Amino acid sequence: MEKIFVCMFKNIFDFHLRALGFFRAGKWKQIFKAHVFRTQFDDIVNDLSQHREMVERQADLIEFEEAKQARDDAQQHYEEQREQEQLRRKLFMQDWLDAPNMVGQLEKGQLTREARPRSGQWLLSRDKVKAWLDPAMSAAACLWIYGIPGAGKTVLASLLIESCKSIANARTVYFYCRHGDPRADNFISMARSFLDQLSHMESSIVDMLYDMATKKDNCFKTRKETEELLQLCLDAAGTLYIVVDGLDECTEPEQKAIARWLRKYADNSGATRDPTRCAFLSQDDTTTRALLSTLPTVRITASDNKEDIKAYCSAIAKDIQVKFTESDAGTSFIVEAVSTKADGEANPSPGGL
């Protein structure tokens, strides 16, 4: 009989552990509605019912062992079915989202930094950035990092994203804006990307989006509907870091839509839900300055990325030295000349050299 009670307490513990996943989210009522109760808790409820009957009948050890084996088999079958159903829902939901893939842009920045691991580390040493990256510090929710074209902002964005991902008990989503790309230059595309990224982090968000997808053919027809769905899922994500690179590459109306909504969302976090912090990386033009100038700012100067540019030039110069049998002195001259001429541009145009 003691073993039966142990199993019952385990069932109760498992039930509360699953339920905690719902209540932990800011919008748990909506998330709970998106789940079919039987598919999530029926196995536990059935176990408890069987155990109660066994207690009432004073079941013997043999009957208990048989029931336990049957329960273990049923649990394994349930887990397999749940995994298959979760995969089906995720594939259906991803097709419905049709989100732009930002992984390629992130990997591009990571590859650029692989040859120069110390590249961009100066950014992480800035007090404003350190405070923004530390959830325990009372820092402003939003941050603006800006510089001239070619200053290496996209590479810095990849470094910042990796740093955010290393923060314990926090989630990170990111978006790379691209001029003229209808899948990467507007608020709705950004929302689709964020929702897709969140669905890979939290199973409850998959279920919630699946529920939306089966009820509405398209939740992205208007910005208002998109904003409501995005807020619902962001609220369920817990402590969140958001990085948006290249805001200036969007049209002025889209820059305003993205910056104003994210700033409002981040600034309103912390009181009634988990905190959200957002960083924008862009050029300093008329529109972005009007939108972001009141934020804590980090300006990328020529002296900031001077060593990064020099390291890049040295790597290229070594290839040139091998190919053309250039002397060490000649190679050093090329490195100094090109890195000086770059004047802070990590990606200078050939004509500028």
Protein backbone atom coordinates (compact mmCIF):
# COMPACT_ATOMS: atom_id res chain seq x y z
CA MET A 1 0.00 0.00 0.00
CA GLU A 2 2.90 2.34 0.73
CA LYS A 3 4.07 2.06 -2.92
CA ILE A 4 0.63 3.08 -4.14
CA PHE A 5 0.69 6.23 -2.04
CA VAL A 6 4.20 7.05 -3.31
CA CYS A 7 2.92 6.79 -6.89
CA MET A 8 -0.08 8.97 -6.05
CA PHE A 9 2.15 11.68 -4.62
CA LYS A 10 4.32 11.46 -7.74
CA ASN A 11 1.21 11.94 -9.90
CA ILE A 12 0.21 14.98 -7.88
CA PHE A 13 3.73 16.41 -8.19
CA ASP A 14 3.78 15.82 -11.97
CA PHE A 15 0.38 17.48 -12.32
CA HIS A 16 1.51 20.62 -10.51
CA LEU A 17 4.79 20.69 -12.42
CA ARG A 18 2.96 20.75 -15.75
CA ALA A 19 0.42 23.27 -14.47
CA LEU A 20 3.25 25.52 -13.30
CA GLY A 21 4.33 25.92 -16.92
CA PHE A 22 1.00 27.57 -17.67
CA PHE A 23 0.78 29.80 -14.61
CA ARG A 24 4.37 30.97 -15.06
CA ALA A 25 3.41 32.76 -18.29
CA GLY A 26 1.91 36.25 -18.13
CA LYS A 27 -1.09 35.27 -20.29
CA TRP A 28 -1.66 31.82 -18.82
CA LYS A 29 -5.44 31.91 -19.31
CA GLN A 30 -5.09 32.26 -23.08
CA ILE A 31 -2.33 29.65 -23.19
CA PHE A 32 -4.40 27.23 -21.15
CA LYS A 33 -7.30 27.63 -23.55
CA ALA A 34 -4.98 26.68 -26.37
CA HIS A 35 -4.39 23.26 -24.83
CA VAL A 36 -6.81 20.38 -24.83
CA PHE A 37 -6.98 19.32 -21.20
CA ARG A 38 -7.19 15.61 -21.93
CA THR A 39 -4.08 15.55 -24.10
CA GLN A 40 -2.02 17.27 -21.40
CA PHE A 41 -3.28 15.76 -18.14
CA ASP A 42 -5.38 12.70 -18.96
CA ASP A 43 -2.54 10.27 -18.23
CA ILE A 44 -2.08 11.66 -14.72
CA VAL A 45 -5.81 11.79 -14.00
CA ASN A 46 -6.21 8.16 -15.11
CA ASP A 47 -3.30 7.09 -12.89
CA LEU A 48 -4.80 8.81 -9.88
CA SER A 49 -8.16 7.18 -10.56
CA GLN A 50 -6.59 3.70 -10.76
CA HIS A 51 -4.58 4.26 -7.58
CA ARG A 52 -7.68 5.38 -5.71
CA GLU A 53 -9.49 2.21 -6.73
CA MET A 54 -6.55 0.09 -5.61
CA VAL A 55 -6.47 1.82 -2.22
CA GLU A 56 -10.20 1.32 -1.79
CA ARG A 57 -9.89 -2.39 -2.68
CA GLN A 58 -6.71 -2.89 -0.63
CA ALA A 59 -4.92 -4.23 -3.72
CA ASP A 60 -2.10 -6.72 -3.17
CA LEU A 61 1.53 -6.37 -4.37
CA ILE A 62 1.08 -8.51 -7.50
CA GLU A 63 -1.85 -6.43 -8.68
CA PHE A 64 0.12 -3.26 -7.97
CA GLU A 65 3.13 -4.45 -10.01
CA GLU A 66 0.87 -5.40 -12.92
CA ALA A 67 -0.83 -2.02 -12.77
CA LYS A 68 2.53 -0.26 -12.60
CA GLN A 69 3.79 -2.09 -15.69
CA ALA A 70 0.60 -1.27 -17.57
CA ARG A 71 0.96 2.37 -16.49
CA ASP A 72 4.60 2.52 -17.61
CA ASP A 73 3.65 1.11 -21.02
CA ALA A 74 0.80 3.58 -21.34
CA GLN A 75 3.10 6.44 -20.32
CA GLN A 76 5.65 5.50 -22.97
CA HIS A 77 2.90 5.31 -25.59
CA TYR A 78 1.57 8.67 -24.43
CA GLU A 79 5.01 10.32 -24.69
CA GLU A 80 5.51 8.96 -28.20
CA GLN A 81 2.10 10.19 -29.30
CA ARG A 82 2.69 13.58 -27.69
CA GLU A 83 6.03 13.99 -29.48
CA GLN A 84 4.44 13.11 -32.81
CA GLU A 85 1.53 15.47 -32.19
CA GLN A 86 3.89 18.27 -31.12
CA LEU A 87 5.94 17.82 -34.29
CA ARG A 88 2.80 17.87 -36.43
CA ARG A 89 1.58 21.04 -34.74
CA LYS A 90 4.96 22.71 -35.07
CA LEU A 91 5.19 21.96 -38.80
CA PHE A 92 1.62 23.15 -39.37
CA MET A 93 2.25 26.30 -37.34
CA GLN A 94 5.54 27.09 -39.10
CA ASP A 95 3.85 26.77 -42.49
CA TRP A 96 1.11 29.11 -41.25
CA LEU A 97 3.62 31.64 -39.90
CA ASP A 98 5.74 31.68 -43.08
CA ALA A 99 8.41 33.52 -41.09
CA PRO A 100 11.65 34.92 -42.55
CA ASN A 101 14.71 32.97 -41.45
CA MET A 102 17.17 35.14 -39.52
CA VAL A 103 19.59 32.33 -38.66
CA GLY A 104 21.61 32.87 -41.84
CA GLN A 105 22.34 36.49 -40.96
CA LEU A 106 23.34 35.55 -37.43
CA GLU A 107 25.65 32.81 -38.69
CA LYS A 108 27.24 35.24 -41.16
CA GLY A 109 28.22 37.52 -38.29
CA GLN A 110 29.45 34.56 -36.26
CA LEU A 111 31.63 33.32 -39.13
CA THR A 112 33.14 36.78 -39.56
CA ARG A 113 34.12 36.76 -35.90
CA GLU A 114 35.43 33.18 -35.83
CA ALA A 115 38.75 34.19 -37.39
CA ARG A 116 38.98 37.09 -34.91
CA PRO A 117 37.41 35.93 -31.61
CA ARG A 118 38.21 39.22 -29.86
CA SER A 119 36.42 41.25 -32.52
CA GLY A 120 33.85 43.60 -31.02
CA GLN A 121 34.69 42.81 -27.40
CA TRP A 122 35.08 46.53 -26.76
CA LEU A 123 31.29 46.84 -27.04
CA LEU A 124 30.68 44.45 -24.13
CA SER A 125 33.01 46.49 -21.91
CA ARG A 126 30.91 49.65 -22.22
CA ASP A 127 29.08 50.48 -18.99
CA LYS A 128 25.74 51.07 -20.72
CA VAL A 129 25.94 47.72 -22.50
CA LYS A 130 27.05 45.86 -19.36
CA ALA A 131 24.13 47.32 -17.42
CA TRP A 132 21.68 46.47 -20.20
CA LEU A 133 22.92 42.87 -20.32
CA ASP A 134 22.58 42.38 -16.57
CA PRO A 135 18.97 41.64 -15.57
CA ALA A 136 19.81 42.38 -11.95
CA MET A 137 20.85 45.96 -12.71
CA SER A 138 18.33 48.78 -12.86
CA ALA A 139 19.10 49.82 -16.43
CA ALA A 140 16.92 51.43 -19.08
CA ALA A 141 14.88 48.86 -20.99
CA CYS A 142 16.09 50.04 -24.40
CA LEU A 143 19.49 50.83 -25.88
CA TRP A 144 20.60 52.44 -29.16
CA ILE A 145 23.93 51.48 -30.78
CA TYR A 146 24.77 53.48 -33.89
CA GLY A 147 27.59 54.19 -36.29
CA ILE A 148 28.49 55.13 -39.85
CA PRO A 149 27.74 52.76 -42.77
CA GLY A 150 30.20 49.87 -42.82
CA ALA A 151 31.13 50.26 -39.14
CA GLY A 152 30.51 46.57 -38.50
CA LYS A 153 27.14 46.92 -36.76
CA THR A 154 25.84 43.59 -38.09
CA VAL A 155 28.88 41.75 -36.72
CA LEU A 156 28.41 43.55 -33.40
CA ALA A 157 24.75 42.52 -33.45
CA SER A 158 25.76 38.85 -33.64
CA LEU A 159 28.05 39.35 -30.64
CA LEU A 160 25.29 41.07 -28.69
CA ILE A 161 22.80 38.31 -29.55
CA GLU A 162 25.21 35.62 -28.37
CA SER A 163 25.77 37.53 -25.13
CA CYS A 164 22.00 37.77 -24.56
CA LYS A 165 21.60 34.04 -25.21
CA SER A 166 24.14 33.27 -22.49
CA ILE A 167 22.03 35.00 -19.81
CA ALA A 168 20.46 32.46 -17.46
CA ASN A 169 16.66 32.19 -17.36
CA ALA A 170 16.16 34.59 -20.26
CA ARG A 171 15.07 34.17 -23.88
CA THR A 172 16.45 36.07 -26.86
CA VAL A 173 14.83 36.98 -30.19
CA TYR A 174 16.41 39.03 -32.95
CA PHE A 175 15.72 40.55 -36.35
CA TYR A 176 17.98 41.75 -39.15
CA CYS A 177 16.30 44.44 -41.24
CA ARG A 178 17.24 44.49 -44.93
CA HIS A 179 16.44 47.36 -47.31
CA GLY A 180 14.12 46.41 -50.17
CA ASP A 181 13.44 42.90 -48.84
CA PRO A 182 9.66 42.58 -48.21
CA ARG A 183 10.35 39.73 -45.76
CA ALA A 184 12.80 41.77 -43.70
CA ASP A 185 11.85 45.44 -43.86
CA ASN A 186 8.58 45.77 -41.96
CA PHE A 187 6.85 45.27 -38.63
CA ILE A 188 4.74 42.27 -39.64
CA SER A 189 7.78 40.33 -40.94
CA MET A 190 9.57 41.09 -37.69
CA ALA A 191 6.58 39.79 -35.72
CA ARG A 192 6.47 36.58 -37.78
CA SER A 193 10.18 36.04 -37.13
CA PHE A 194 9.84 36.63 -33.37
CA LEU A 195 6.90 34.22 -33.14
CA ASP A 196 8.81 31.56 -35.04
CA GLN A 197 11.86 31.93 -32.79
CA LEU A 198 9.73 31.78 -29.64
CA SER A 199 8.01 28.61 -30.86
CA HIS A 200 11.38 26.83 -30.78
CA MET A 201 11.87 27.81 -27.14
CA GLU A 202 8.51 27.22 -25.49
CA SER A 203 6.11 24.34 -26.28
CA SER A 204 3.14 26.23 -24.85
CA ILE A 205 3.66 28.92 -27.51
CA VAL A 206 3.55 26.23 -30.22
CA ASP A 207 0.18 25.10 -28.88
CA MET A 208 -1.09 28.66 -28.62
CA LEU A 209 -0.06 29.51 -32.19
CA TYR A 210 -1.48 26.22 -33.43
CA ASP A 211 -4.77 27.10 -31.77
CA MET A 212 -4.72 30.50 -33.51
CA ALA A 213 -3.80 28.95 -36.86
CA THR A 214 -6.70 26.50 -36.76
CA LYS A 215 -9.18 29.24 -35.87
CA LYS A 216 -7.99 32.01 -38.19
CA ASP A 217 -6.53 31.57 -41.63
CA ASN A 218 -4.47 34.74 -41.32
CA CYS A 219 -3.73 36.76 -38.16
CA PHE A 220 -1.37 39.09 -40.04
CA LYS A 221 -3.82 40.95 -42.27
CA THR A 222 -3.66 44.06 -40.11
CA ARG A 223 -1.00 45.49 -37.84
CA LYS A 224 -3.46 45.56 -34.93
CA GLU A 225 -4.07 41.79 -35.12
CA THR A 226 -0.34 41.18 -35.47
CA GLU A 227 0.46 43.35 -32.46
CA GLU A 228 -2.09 41.52 -30.30
CA LEU A 229 -0.73 38.09 -31.21
CA LEU A 230 2.88 39.21 -30.77
CA GLN A 231 2.20 40.68 -27.34
CA LEU A 232 0.39 37.54 -26.24
CA CYS A 233 3.39 35.36 -27.12
CA LEU A 234 6.04 37.75 -25.82
CA ASP A 235 4.19 37.92 -22.51
CA ALA A 236 4.42 34.13 -22.29
CA ALA A 237 8.18 34.08 -22.93
CA GLY A 238 9.35 35.28 -19.52
CA THR A 239 12.43 37.49 -19.22
CA LEU A 240 13.24 38.53 -22.77
CA TYR A 241 16.02 40.22 -24.74
CA ILE A 242 15.31 41.66 -28.20
CA VAL A 243 17.97 42.77 -30.71
CA VAL A 244 17.01 44.61 -33.92
CA ASP A 245 19.80 45.31 -36.40
CA GLY A 246 19.63 47.76 -39.31
CA LEU A 247 16.47 49.63 -38.32
CA ASP A 248 17.45 52.42 -40.73
CA GLU A 249 17.10 49.98 -43.65
CA CYS A 250 13.31 50.03 -43.30
CA THR A 251 11.10 52.75 -44.73
CA GLU A 252 10.25 55.62 -42.41
CA PRO A 253 6.71 54.36 -41.58
CA GLU A 254 8.04 50.89 -40.76
CA GLN A 255 10.90 52.29 -38.68
CA LYS A 256 8.34 54.19 -36.63
CA ALA A 257 6.07 51.15 -36.28
CA ILE A 258 8.91 48.88 -35.12
CA ALA A 259 10.68 51.33 -32.80
CA ARG A 260 7.58 52.77 -31.16
CA TRP A 261 5.92 49.42 -30.50
CA LEU A 262 9.05 47.74 -29.13
CA ARG A 263 9.96 50.73 -26.98
CA LYS A 264 6.48 50.86 -25.50
CA TYR A 265 6.42 47.11 -24.89
CA ALA A 266 9.86 47.05 -23.22
CA ASP A 267 9.24 50.18 -21.16
CA ASN A 268 5.98 48.76 -19.80
CA SER A 269 7.58 45.48 -18.73
CA GLY A 270 8.71 44.63 -15.23
CA ALA A 271 5.68 45.83 -13.28
CA THR A 272 3.03 43.24 -14.21
CA ARG A 273 5.18 40.79 -16.21
CA ASP A 274 8.76 39.65 -16.64
CA PRO A 275 11.21 42.32 -17.84
CA THR A 276 12.00 42.86 -21.51
CA ARG A 277 15.05 44.68 -22.85
CA CYS A 278 15.52 45.80 -26.42
CA ALA A 279 18.60 47.00 -28.36
CA PHE A 280 18.51 48.79 -31.70
CA LEU A 281 21.55 48.94 -34.01
CA SER A 282 21.45 51.38 -36.91
CA GLN A 283 22.94 54.35 -38.67
CA ASP A 284 22.31 57.77 -37.21
CA ASP A 285 19.91 59.36 -39.69
CA THR A 286 17.08 61.84 -39.29
CA THR A 287 14.36 59.23 -38.70
CA THR A 288 16.23 56.96 -36.31
CA ARG A 289 17.53 59.92 -34.30
CA ALA A 290 14.01 61.26 -33.87
CA LEU A 291 12.86 57.81 -32.71
CA LEU A 292 15.79 56.75 -30.51
CA SER A 293 17.80 59.77 -29.39
CA THR A 294 16.23 59.80 -25.91
CA LEU A 295 17.59 56.31 -25.21
CA PRO A 296 20.97 55.47 -23.66
CA THR A 297 23.32 55.42 -26.67
CA VAL A 298 26.60 53.86 -27.71
CA ARG A 299 28.28 55.46 -30.70
CA ILE A 300 30.67 53.32 -32.75
CA THR A 301 33.75 55.43 -33.46
CA ALA A 302 36.84 54.86 -35.58
CA SER A 303 38.91 54.22 -32.46
CA ASP A 304 36.45 51.58 -31.20
CA ASN A 305 36.89 49.17 -34.09
CA LYS A 306 40.39 50.20 -35.11
CA GLU A 307 41.94 47.01 -33.77
CA ASP A 308 39.18 44.87 -35.32
CA ILE A 309 39.85 46.42 -38.73
CA LYS A 310 43.59 46.01 -38.32
CA ALA A 311 43.18 42.32 -37.41
CA TYR A 312 41.00 41.81 -40.49
CA CYS A 313 43.53 43.58 -42.73
CA SER A 314 46.34 41.47 -41.27
CA ALA A 315 44.51 38.25 -42.10
CA ILE A 316 43.90 39.36 -45.70
CA ALA A 317 47.46 40.68 -46.03
CA LYS A 318 48.88 37.29 -45.06
CA ASP A 319 47.03 35.71 -47.98
CA ILE A 320 48.38 38.41 -50.28
CA GLN A 321 51.92 37.88 -48.93
CA VAL A 322 51.78 34.15 -49.69
CA LYS A 323 50.26 34.65 -53.15
CA PHE A 324 52.60 37.42 -54.31
CA THR A 325 55.65 36.65 -52.12
CA GLU A 326 55.45 40.11 -50.57
CA SER A 327 58.06 41.04 -47.94
CA ASP A 328 57.16 41.46 -44.27
CA ALA A 329 57.81 45.17 -44.52
CA GLY A 330 55.57 45.47 -47.56
CA THR A 331 52.83 43.49 -45.86
CA SER A 332 52.98 45.69 -42.76
CA PHE A 333 52.76 48.77 -44.95
CA ILE A 334 49.62 47.42 -46.65
CA VAL A 335 47.99 46.66 -43.28
CA GLU A 336 48.71 50.13 -41.89
CA ALA A 337 47.67 51.92 -45.08
CA VAL A 338 44.38 50.09 -45.52
CA SER A 339 43.35 50.13 -41.83
CA THR A 340 44.14 53.86 -41.58
CA LYS A 341 42.27 54.64 -44.80
CA ALA A 342 39.24 52.68 -43.59
CA ASP A 343 38.69 55.33 -40.87
CA GLY A 344 36.32 53.21 -38.81
CA GLU A 345 34.63 51.33 -41.65
CA ALA A 346 34.83 47.60 -40.96
CA ASN A 347 33.40 46.95 -44.43
CA PRO A 348 34.87 49.73 -46.59
CA SER A 349 34.04 49.86 -50.27
CA PRO A 350 36.88 49.01 -52.64
CA GLY A 351 36.71 52.50 -54.11
CA GLY A 352 37.30 53.99 -50.69
CA LEU A 353 40.66 52.29 -50.49
